[in-house]
Protein backbone atom coordinates (compact mmCIF):
# COMPACT_ATOMS: atom_id res chain seq x y z
CA MET A 1 -26.43 31.52 -13.95
CA SER A 2 -25.96 34.48 -11.60
CA HIS A 3 -26.74 36.82 -14.51
CA ALA A 4 -30.02 34.99 -15.14
CA SER A 5 -31.02 34.88 -11.48
CA HIS A 6 -29.78 38.24 -10.14
CA GLY A 7 -29.21 40.50 -13.12
CA GLU A 8 -26.39 42.03 -15.12
CA GLY A 9 -24.45 43.64 -12.24
CA LEU A 10 -23.99 40.47 -10.20
CA GLY A 11 -23.45 38.47 -13.39
CA ARG A 12 -20.48 40.66 -14.36
CA ILE A 13 -18.99 40.58 -10.84
CA TRP A 14 -19.39 36.81 -10.51
CA GLY A 15 -18.02 36.25 -14.04
CA TRP A 16 -14.85 38.23 -13.23
CA MET A 17 -14.46 36.44 -9.89
CA LEU A 18 -14.67 33.06 -11.62
CA PHE A 19 -12.28 34.20 -14.35
CA LEU A 20 -9.68 35.39 -11.85
CA SER A 21 -9.95 32.23 -9.77
CA TYR A 22 -9.55 30.00 -12.84
CA VAL A 23 -6.63 32.02 -14.22
CA ALA A 24 -4.66 31.65 -10.98
CA VAL A 25 -5.03 27.86 -10.57
CA PRO A 26 -2.77 26.54 -13.40
CA SER A 27 0.15 28.80 -12.45
CA VAL A 28 -0.16 27.94 -8.75
CA GLU A 29 -0.34 24.21 -9.54
CA ALA A 30 2.67 24.46 -11.86
CA GLU A 31 4.67 26.29 -9.21
CA SER A 32 3.75 23.71 -6.55
CA ILE A 33 4.84 20.86 -8.86
CA VAL A 34 8.17 22.61 -9.50
CA THR A 35 8.61 23.33 -5.77
CA TYR A 36 8.08 19.65 -4.92
CA ALA A 37 10.42 18.63 -7.77
CA ASN A 38 13.06 20.92 -6.26
CA ASN A 39 13.67 18.22 -3.63
CA LEU A 40 15.01 15.94 -6.39
CA TYR A 41 16.48 18.56 -8.69
CA PRO A 42 17.54 21.51 -6.49
CA HIS A 43 17.85 24.09 -9.24
CA PHE A 44 14.23 25.20 -9.52
CA VAL A 45 13.92 27.27 -6.32
CA GLY A 46 16.60 29.55 -4.88
CA HIS A 47 17.57 29.81 -1.20
CA ASP A 48 15.22 32.78 -0.85
CA GLY A 49 12.23 30.61 -1.87
CA VAL A 50 11.86 32.37 -5.25
CA LEU A 51 11.88 30.49 -8.56
CA THR A 52 15.19 30.50 -10.41
CA ALA A 53 15.32 31.03 -14.20
CA THR A 54 15.25 27.23 -14.63
CA GLY A 55 12.28 26.97 -12.29
CA PHE A 56 10.45 29.73 -14.15
CA ILE A 57 11.00 27.98 -17.51
CA ALA A 58 9.83 24.66 -16.01
CA CYS A 59 6.67 26.41 -14.71
CA ALA A 60 6.01 27.95 -18.13
CA VAL A 61 6.35 24.52 -19.80
CA LEU A 62 4.01 22.96 -17.22
CA VAL A 63 1.41 25.72 -17.75
CA GLY A 64 1.63 24.98 -21.47
CA ILE A 65 1.06 21.26 -20.85
CA LEU A 66 -1.89 22.03 -18.56
CA ALA A 67 -3.35 24.32 -21.24
CA LEU A 68 -3.01 21.56 -23.87
CA LEU A 69 -4.76 19.10 -21.58
CA ASN A 70 -7.64 21.55 -21.19
CA LEU A 71 -7.92 22.02 -24.96
CA LEU A 72 -8.48 18.31 -25.55
CA ALA A 73 -11.92 17.05 -26.45
CA ILE A 74 -14.20 16.53 -23.47
CA ARG A 75 -13.96 12.73 -23.68
CA TRP A 76 -10.14 12.83 -23.64
CA LEU A 77 -10.17 15.43 -20.88
CA LEU A 78 -12.44 13.25 -18.76
CA ALA A 79 -10.18 10.23 -19.34
CA VAL A 80 -7.09 12.20 -18.29
CA ASN A 81 -8.98 13.72 -15.36
CA ASN A 82 -10.18 10.30 -14.17
CA THR A 83 -6.64 8.90 -14.26
CA VAL A 84 -5.20 11.91 -12.41
CA THR A 85 -8.06 11.83 -9.89
CA TRP A 86 -7.45 8.15 -9.04
CA TRP A 87 -3.72 8.87 -8.73
CA LYS A 88 -4.44 11.81 -6.39
CA ILE A 89 -6.65 9.59 -4.22
CA ILE A 90 -4.57 6.38 -4.17
CA VAL A 91 -1.13 7.90 -3.48
CA PRO A 92 -2.13 10.00 -0.41
CA ALA A 93 -4.37 7.21 0.94
CA LEU A 94 -1.56 4.64 0.65
CA THR A 95 0.88 7.11 2.20
CA ALA A 96 -1.49 7.62 5.15
CA ILE A 97 -1.96 3.87 5.65
CA VAL A 98 1.79 3.13 5.45
CA LEU A 99 2.62 5.95 7.89
CA ILE A 100 -0.09 4.90 10.35
CA PHE A 101 1.17 1.30 10.38
CA ALA A 102 4.83 2.39 10.45
CA GLY A 103 4.22 4.55 13.50
CA ALA A 104 1.85 2.12 15.24
CA SER A 105 4.62 0.89 17.55
CA GLN A 106 5.08 4.43 18.89
CA ILE A 107 1.48 5.20 19.82
CA GLY A 108 0.64 6.10 23.42
CA PRO A 109 2.10 3.92 26.18
CA LEU A 110 4.56 2.21 23.85
CA TRP A 111 6.56 5.43 23.64
CA PRO A 112 9.51 5.56 26.04
CA HIS A 113 8.84 7.25 29.39
CA GLY A 114 5.15 7.77 28.48
CA THR A 115 5.90 10.77 26.27
CA SER A 116 4.24 11.33 22.92
CA VAL A 117 4.29 13.72 19.99
CA TRP A 118 1.14 15.34 21.39
CA THR A 119 2.99 16.51 24.52
CA ALA A 120 6.62 16.68 23.34
CA ALA A 121 6.68 20.42 22.60
CA PRO A 122 3.76 21.97 24.50
CA LYS A 123 4.76 25.61 23.85
CA SER A 124 4.84 25.15 20.07
CA TYR A 125 1.15 24.26 19.57
CA SER A 126 -0.82 27.09 18.00
CA SER A 127 -4.07 27.27 16.05
CA ASN A 128 -2.69 29.96 13.71
CA GLY A 129 -0.53 27.24 12.10
CA ILE A 130 -3.72 25.80 10.62
CA PHE A 131 -4.56 29.08 8.90
CA ILE A 132 -1.01 29.36 7.55
CA ALA A 133 -0.90 25.75 6.32
CA LEU A 134 -4.26 25.75 4.51
CA PRO A 135 -3.39 28.33 1.83
CA ALA A 136 0.44 28.15 1.94
CA ALA A 137 0.82 24.37 1.77
CA GLY A 138 -1.73 23.96 -1.02
CA ILE A 139 -4.19 22.01 1.13
CA VAL A 140 -6.98 24.35 0.10
CA PHE A 141 -6.64 23.21 -3.53
CA SER A 142 -7.48 19.66 -2.52
CA PHE A 143 -10.90 20.85 -1.44
CA LEU A 144 -11.58 22.38 -4.87
CA GLY A 145 -12.39 19.01 -6.45
CA PHE A 146 -16.07 19.91 -6.50
CA ARG A 147 -15.44 22.49 -9.22
CA THR A 148 -15.00 19.83 -11.90
CA ALA A 149 -18.32 18.26 -10.96
CA ILE A 150 -20.03 21.64 -11.32
CA ASP A 151 -18.17 22.63 -14.51
CA LEU A 152 -18.90 19.34 -16.26
CA GLY A 153 -22.31 18.78 -14.65
CA GLY A 154 -24.14 19.35 -17.93
CA GLU A 155 -22.42 16.24 -19.36
CA SER A 156 -23.86 14.04 -16.60
CA ALA A 157 -26.77 11.70 -17.33
CA ASN A 158 -28.47 12.58 -14.03
CA PRO A 159 -27.12 15.97 -12.83
CA GLY A 160 -29.75 16.34 -10.09
CA ARG A 161 -28.34 13.30 -8.31
CA ASN A 162 -24.72 13.25 -9.50
CA ILE A 163 -23.67 16.88 -8.92
CA PRO A 164 -24.57 17.02 -5.18
CA LEU A 165 -23.07 13.54 -4.70
CA ALA A 166 -19.83 14.58 -6.43
CA VAL A 167 -19.56 17.96 -4.67
CA ILE A 168 -20.19 16.61 -1.17
CA GLY A 169 -18.18 13.45 -1.88
CA ALA A 170 -15.13 15.43 -3.06
CA VAL A 171 -15.04 17.57 0.09
CA VAL A 172 -15.66 14.65 2.47
CA LEU A 173 -13.11 12.39 0.74
CA SER A 174 -10.47 15.14 0.78
CA ALA A 175 -11.10 15.77 4.47
CA ILE A 176 -10.84 12.06 5.35
CA ILE A 177 -7.60 11.58 3.38
CA TYR A 178 -5.96 14.67 4.89
CA ILE A 179 -7.00 13.78 8.44
CA LEU A 180 -5.56 10.27 7.96
CA LEU A 181 -2.36 11.77 6.52
CA LYS A 182 -1.96 14.08 9.52
CA ILE A 183 -2.50 11.19 11.94
CA GLY A 184 0.04 9.12 9.98
CA PHE A 185 2.65 11.88 9.92
CA LEU A 186 2.22 12.63 13.62
CA ASN A 187 2.37 8.98 14.67
CA SER A 188 5.48 8.33 12.58
CA LEU A 189 7.44 11.00 14.48
CA LYS A 190 9.45 10.27 17.59
CA PRO A 191 8.86 12.67 20.51
CA THR A 192 12.56 13.53 20.58
CA GLU A 193 12.31 14.82 16.98
CA CYS A 194 9.92 17.58 17.97
CA ALA A 195 11.24 18.32 21.46
CA ASN A 196 12.61 21.69 20.27
CA GLY A 197 9.30 22.69 18.72
CA TRP A 198 7.64 22.00 15.39
CA GLY A 199 9.65 24.75 13.70
CA HIS A 200 12.89 22.77 14.27
CA LEU A 201 11.70 19.38 13.08
């Protein structure tokens, strides 16, 4: 598209940018899955935060599985994608709701001595934590849901209506779920748990 609208130079640059961004995603997703799995099977990631040989092999197998999923016919890929998408929406949304209700008894004046998580460790609040968490914690990947709508937009019956709806909907839904999750996590903490700062939770 950029080649058609702006010529060969921009088309080549944009093509390479897209290629590099797509190449990185499966390996990053595989590594994040293995890192999360390390909580249950602590042999994937070493104490230095680097993948062990077992973790590397597990990542390679996962990349292979992701590649096979992407080689499936478009109908099968859409079916798998729909199932995974609903899973990725339902699990975080339920987690947020459970955490919000679990921590409801601790909100505001119900906390002992009028303290709260919001004031428990005043010297540890910093906006640079946001910019560390977005790329490092994988949150940024949750906002990339619009890519599928754009990539598969040609398969839509009404792309003029469906693509903008899917792109904007993916970003808004991700934002709502993550804001609810953050509220749930914060409200489920006791002020004493973060009295020494967020780094010592």
